Amino acid sequence: MFFDTHAHLDDERFANDRELVIERAREAGVGLIMNIGYDVRHAQNTVLLTREYEHIYGSVGVHPHEAKHFDEKDLKSFTGWLLSPR
């Protein structure tokens, strides 16, 4: 079994065929996937993917380039996601 440790399945490029991409990965032997949320929007999308697919895990955070946009409201969102990830 393979573990994809750095994916961006929530990227807009996969909007039309995300499920197919995920299925093809499984067929190729990828049993686990770590989706990376690097800003608030992608973190939220990552959490949603982890809730929809049992074999997809998520890493949520804020890339230093995006930190200037991070505020108290975002911190509350992250805290909520981390306290109840699934």
N, C-alpha and C. Protein backbone atom coordinates (compact mmCIF):
# COMPACT_ATOMS: atom_id res chain seq x y z
N MET A 1 0.85 -1.18 0.00
CA MET A 1 0.00 0.00 0.00
C MET A 1 0.89 1.24 0.00
N PHE A 2 0.48 2.24 -0.75
CA PHE A 2 1.16 3.51 -0.79
C PHE A 2 0.39 4.55 0.01
N PHE A 3 1.11 5.54 0.52
CA PHE A 3 0.52 6.65 1.27
C PHE A 3 0.98 7.93 0.60
N ASP A 4 0.05 8.63 -0.04
CA ASP A 4 0.36 9.93 -0.64
C ASP A 4 0.38 10.94 0.50
N THR A 5 1.56 11.45 0.81
CA THR A 5 1.72 12.30 1.99
C THR A 5 1.54 13.79 1.73
N HIS A 6 1.26 14.16 0.48
CA HIS A 6 1.10 15.60 0.20
C HIS A 6 0.24 15.78 -1.05
N ALA A 7 -1.06 15.88 -0.83
CA ALA A 7 -1.99 16.06 -1.95
C ALA A 7 -2.78 17.36 -1.79
N HIS A 8 -3.28 17.83 -2.90
CA HIS A 8 -4.15 19.01 -2.92
C HIS A 8 -5.40 18.67 -3.73
N LEU A 9 -6.13 17.67 -3.26
CA LEU A 9 -7.30 17.19 -3.99
C LEU A 9 -8.43 18.21 -4.06
N ASP A 10 -8.40 19.21 -3.19
CA ASP A 10 -9.44 20.23 -3.21
C ASP A 10 -9.13 21.33 -4.23
N ASP A 11 -8.02 21.22 -4.92
CA ASP A 11 -7.66 22.22 -5.93
C ASP A 11 -8.74 22.29 -7.01
N GLU A 12 -8.95 23.47 -7.52
CA GLU A 12 -9.98 23.70 -8.54
C GLU A 12 -9.76 22.84 -9.79
N ARG A 13 -8.52 22.45 -10.04
CA ARG A 13 -8.24 21.61 -11.21
C ARG A 13 -8.96 20.28 -11.14
N PHE A 14 -9.33 19.85 -9.94
CA PHE A 14 -10.02 18.57 -9.77
C PHE A 14 -11.53 18.75 -9.60
N ALA A 15 -12.04 19.92 -9.82
CA ALA A 15 -13.46 20.19 -9.58
C ALA A 15 -14.38 19.27 -10.39
N ASN A 16 -13.98 18.94 -11.60
CA ASN A 16 -14.85 18.14 -12.47
C ASN A 16 -14.64 16.64 -12.35
N ASP A 17 -13.50 16.23 -11.80
CA ASP A 17 -13.22 14.79 -11.76
C ASP A 17 -12.57 14.33 -10.45
N ARG A 18 -12.82 15.03 -9.36
CA ARG A 18 -12.19 14.71 -8.08
C ARG A 18 -12.43 13.26 -7.67
N GLU A 19 -13.67 12.82 -7.73
CA GLU A 19 -13.98 11.45 -7.33
C GLU A 19 -13.24 10.44 -8.19
N LEU A 20 -13.15 10.71 -9.47
CA LEU A 20 -12.42 9.83 -10.38
C LEU A 20 -10.93 9.80 -10.04
N VAL A 21 -10.35 10.94 -9.73
CA VAL A 21 -8.94 11.01 -9.35
C VAL A 21 -8.70 10.19 -8.08
N ILE A 22 -9.58 10.34 -7.11
CA ILE A 22 -9.45 9.59 -5.86
C ILE A 22 -9.59 8.10 -6.11
N GLU A 23 -10.52 7.71 -6.94
CA GLU A 23 -10.71 6.30 -7.26
C GLU A 23 -9.51 5.73 -8.02
N ARG A 24 -8.97 6.49 -8.96
CA ARG A 24 -7.79 6.03 -9.70
C ARG A 24 -6.60 5.86 -8.77
N ALA A 25 -6.47 6.73 -7.79
CA ALA A 25 -5.39 6.59 -6.81
C ALA A 25 -5.54 5.27 -6.05
N ARG A 26 -6.76 4.98 -5.63
CA ARG A 26 -7.00 3.71 -4.90
C ARG A 26 -6.66 2.51 -5.78
N GLU A 27 -7.09 2.58 -7.04
CA GLU A 27 -6.82 1.48 -7.97
C GLU A 27 -5.32 1.30 -8.20
N ALA A 28 -4.56 2.36 -8.09
CA ALA A 28 -3.11 2.32 -8.27
C ALA A 28 -2.37 1.89 -7.00
N GLY A 29 -3.13 1.63 -5.93
CA GLY A 29 -2.52 1.14 -4.70
C GLY A 29 -2.30 2.19 -3.64
N VAL A 30 -2.84 3.39 -3.85
CA VAL A 30 -2.72 4.45 -2.83
C VAL A 30 -3.86 4.22 -1.83
N GLY A 31 -3.48 3.73 -0.66
CA GLY A 31 -4.49 3.40 0.35
C GLY A 31 -4.83 4.56 1.27
N LEU A 32 -3.89 5.48 1.44
CA LEU A 32 -4.10 6.63 2.32
C LEU A 32 -3.61 7.89 1.62
N ILE A 33 -4.30 8.99 1.88
CA ILE A 33 -3.93 10.27 1.28
C ILE A 33 -3.96 11.34 2.37
N MET A 34 -2.93 12.18 2.39
CA MET A 34 -2.89 13.34 3.28
C MET A 34 -3.11 14.58 2.42
N ASN A 35 -4.26 15.20 2.58
CA ASN A 35 -4.55 16.44 1.85
C ASN A 35 -4.08 17.62 2.70
N ILE A 36 -3.47 18.60 2.06
CA ILE A 36 -2.86 19.72 2.76
C ILE A 36 -3.71 20.98 2.59
N GLY A 37 -4.14 21.54 3.71
CA GLY A 37 -4.85 22.81 3.69
C GLY A 37 -3.90 23.90 4.14
N TYR A 38 -3.54 24.80 3.24
CA TYR A 38 -2.49 25.78 3.52
C TYR A 38 -3.00 27.20 3.76
N ASP A 39 -4.29 27.38 3.67
CA ASP A 39 -4.92 28.64 4.04
C ASP A 39 -6.32 28.31 4.54
N VAL A 40 -7.08 29.30 4.93
CA VAL A 40 -8.37 29.03 5.56
C VAL A 40 -9.31 28.27 4.61
N ARG A 41 -9.41 28.72 3.38
CA ARG A 41 -10.33 28.07 2.43
C ARG A 41 -9.92 26.63 2.17
N HIS A 42 -8.64 26.40 1.93
CA HIS A 42 -8.18 25.04 1.64
C HIS A 42 -8.19 24.16 2.89
N ALA A 43 -8.02 24.76 4.05
CA ALA A 43 -8.14 24.00 5.29
C ALA A 43 -9.57 23.50 5.46
N GLN A 44 -10.54 24.38 5.22
CA GLN A 44 -11.94 23.97 5.33
C GLN A 44 -12.26 22.87 4.31
N ASN A 45 -11.79 23.03 3.09
CA ASN A 45 -12.01 22.01 2.06
C ASN A 45 -11.37 20.68 2.47
N THR A 46 -10.19 20.75 3.09
CA THR A 46 -9.51 19.54 3.53
C THR A 46 -10.33 18.82 4.59
N VAL A 47 -10.85 19.57 5.54
CA VAL A 47 -11.69 18.96 6.58
C VAL A 47 -12.90 18.27 5.95
N LEU A 48 -13.52 18.92 4.98
CA LEU A 48 -14.68 18.32 4.31
C LEU A 48 -14.29 17.02 3.60
N LEU A 49 -13.12 17.00 2.96
CA LEU A 49 -12.67 15.76 2.31
C LEU A 49 -12.45 14.65 3.33
N THR A 50 -11.88 14.99 4.49
CA THR A 50 -11.64 13.95 5.50
C THR A 50 -12.95 13.40 6.05
N ARG A 51 -13.96 14.21 6.04
CA ARG A 51 -15.27 13.75 6.52
C ARG A 51 -15.98 12.89 5.49
N GLU A 52 -15.68 13.13 4.23
CA GLU A 52 -16.34 12.39 3.15
C GLU A 52 -15.64 11.06 2.84
N TYR A 53 -14.32 11.03 2.97
CA TYR A 53 -13.55 9.85 2.60
C TYR A 53 -12.76 9.36 3.80
N GLU A 54 -13.02 8.13 4.20
CA GLU A 54 -12.36 7.57 5.38
C GLU A 54 -10.85 7.44 5.21
N HIS A 55 -10.38 7.26 4.00
CA HIS A 55 -8.95 7.04 3.77
C HIS A 55 -8.17 8.33 3.47
N ILE A 56 -8.86 9.48 3.54
CA ILE A 56 -8.19 10.76 3.34
C ILE A 56 -8.04 11.46 4.69
N TYR A 57 -6.82 11.82 5.00
CA TYR A 57 -6.49 12.55 6.22
C TYR A 57 -6.14 13.98 5.82
N GLY A 58 -6.10 14.85 6.81
CA GLY A 58 -5.83 16.23 6.48
C GLY A 58 -4.83 16.89 7.40
N SER A 59 -4.12 17.82 6.83
CA SER A 59 -3.22 18.69 7.57
C SER A 59 -3.71 20.10 7.31
N VAL A 60 -4.03 20.83 8.37
CA VAL A 60 -4.52 22.19 8.19
C VAL A 60 -3.60 23.18 8.88
N GLY A 61 -3.35 24.25 8.22
CA GLY A 61 -2.48 25.28 8.75
C GLY A 61 -2.53 26.49 7.85
N VAL A 62 -1.64 27.41 8.10
CA VAL A 62 -1.58 28.63 7.30
C VAL A 62 -0.14 28.81 6.84
N HIS A 63 0.05 28.81 5.54
CA HIS A 63 1.37 29.04 4.97
C HIS A 63 1.81 30.46 5.33
N PRO A 64 3.09 30.66 5.58
CA PRO A 64 3.55 32.01 5.95
C PRO A 64 3.12 33.11 4.97
N HIS A 65 3.02 32.79 3.69
CA HIS A 65 2.58 33.79 2.72
C HIS A 65 1.12 34.19 2.92
N GLU A 66 0.36 33.34 3.58
CA GLU A 66 -1.06 33.60 3.80
C GLU A 66 -1.35 34.14 5.21
N ALA A 67 -0.35 34.16 6.07
CA ALA A 67 -0.54 34.53 7.47
C ALA A 67 -1.11 35.93 7.65
N LYS A 68 -0.81 36.84 6.76
CA LYS A 68 -1.31 38.22 6.90
C LYS A 68 -2.83 38.30 6.79
N HIS A 69 -3.45 37.26 6.24
CA HIS A 69 -4.91 37.24 6.09
C HIS A 69 -5.61 36.52 7.24
N PHE A 70 -4.84 35.88 8.12
CA PHE A 70 -5.39 35.07 9.19
C PHE A 70 -5.82 35.97 10.34
N ASP A 71 -7.05 35.74 10.87
CA ASP A 71 -7.55 36.58 11.95
C ASP A 71 -8.19 35.72 13.05
N GLU A 72 -8.75 36.37 14.04
CA GLU A 72 -9.35 35.69 15.19
C GLU A 72 -10.50 34.76 14.77
N LYS A 73 -11.29 35.19 13.81
CA LYS A 73 -12.40 34.36 13.32
C LYS A 73 -11.85 33.07 12.71
N ASP A 74 -10.76 33.19 11.96
CA ASP A 74 -10.14 32.01 11.35
C ASP A 74 -9.60 31.07 12.42
N LEU A 75 -9.02 31.62 13.46
CA LEU A 75 -8.51 30.80 14.55
C LEU A 75 -9.63 29.99 15.18
N LYS A 76 -10.80 30.60 15.35
CA LYS A 76 -11.94 29.87 15.90
C LYS A 76 -12.38 28.74 14.96
N SER A 77 -12.35 29.00 13.66
CA SER A 77 -12.69 27.95 12.70
C SER A 77 -11.72 26.79 12.81
N PHE A 78 -10.43 27.09 12.82
CA PHE A 78 -9.41 26.04 12.93
C PHE A 78 -9.59 25.25 14.22
N THR A 79 -9.83 25.93 15.30
CA THR A 79 -10.02 25.27 16.60
C THR A 79 -11.21 24.32 16.53
N GLY A 80 -12.30 24.76 15.93
CA GLY A 80 -13.47 23.90 15.79
C GLY A 80 -13.18 22.66 14.95
N TRP A 81 -12.49 22.85 13.84
CA TRP A 81 -12.16 21.71 12.99
C TRP A 81 -11.27 20.73 13.71
N LEU A 82 -10.30 21.23 14.46
CA LEU A 82 -9.36 20.35 15.14
C LEU A 82 -10.00 19.61 16.30
N LEU A 83 -10.99 20.20 16.94
CA LEU A 83 -11.66 19.55 18.06
C LEU A 83 -12.68 18.51 17.62
N SER A 84 -13.18 18.62 16.42
CA SER A 84 -14.11 17.61 15.89
C SER A 84 -13.82 17.38 14.41
N PRO A 85 -12.71 16.69 14.12
CA PRO A 85 -12.26 16.55 12.74
C PRO A 85 -13.17 15.73 11.85
N ARG A 86 -13.92 14.79 12.40
CA ARG A 86 -14.78 13.96 11.52
C ARG A 86 -16.19 14.03 11.98
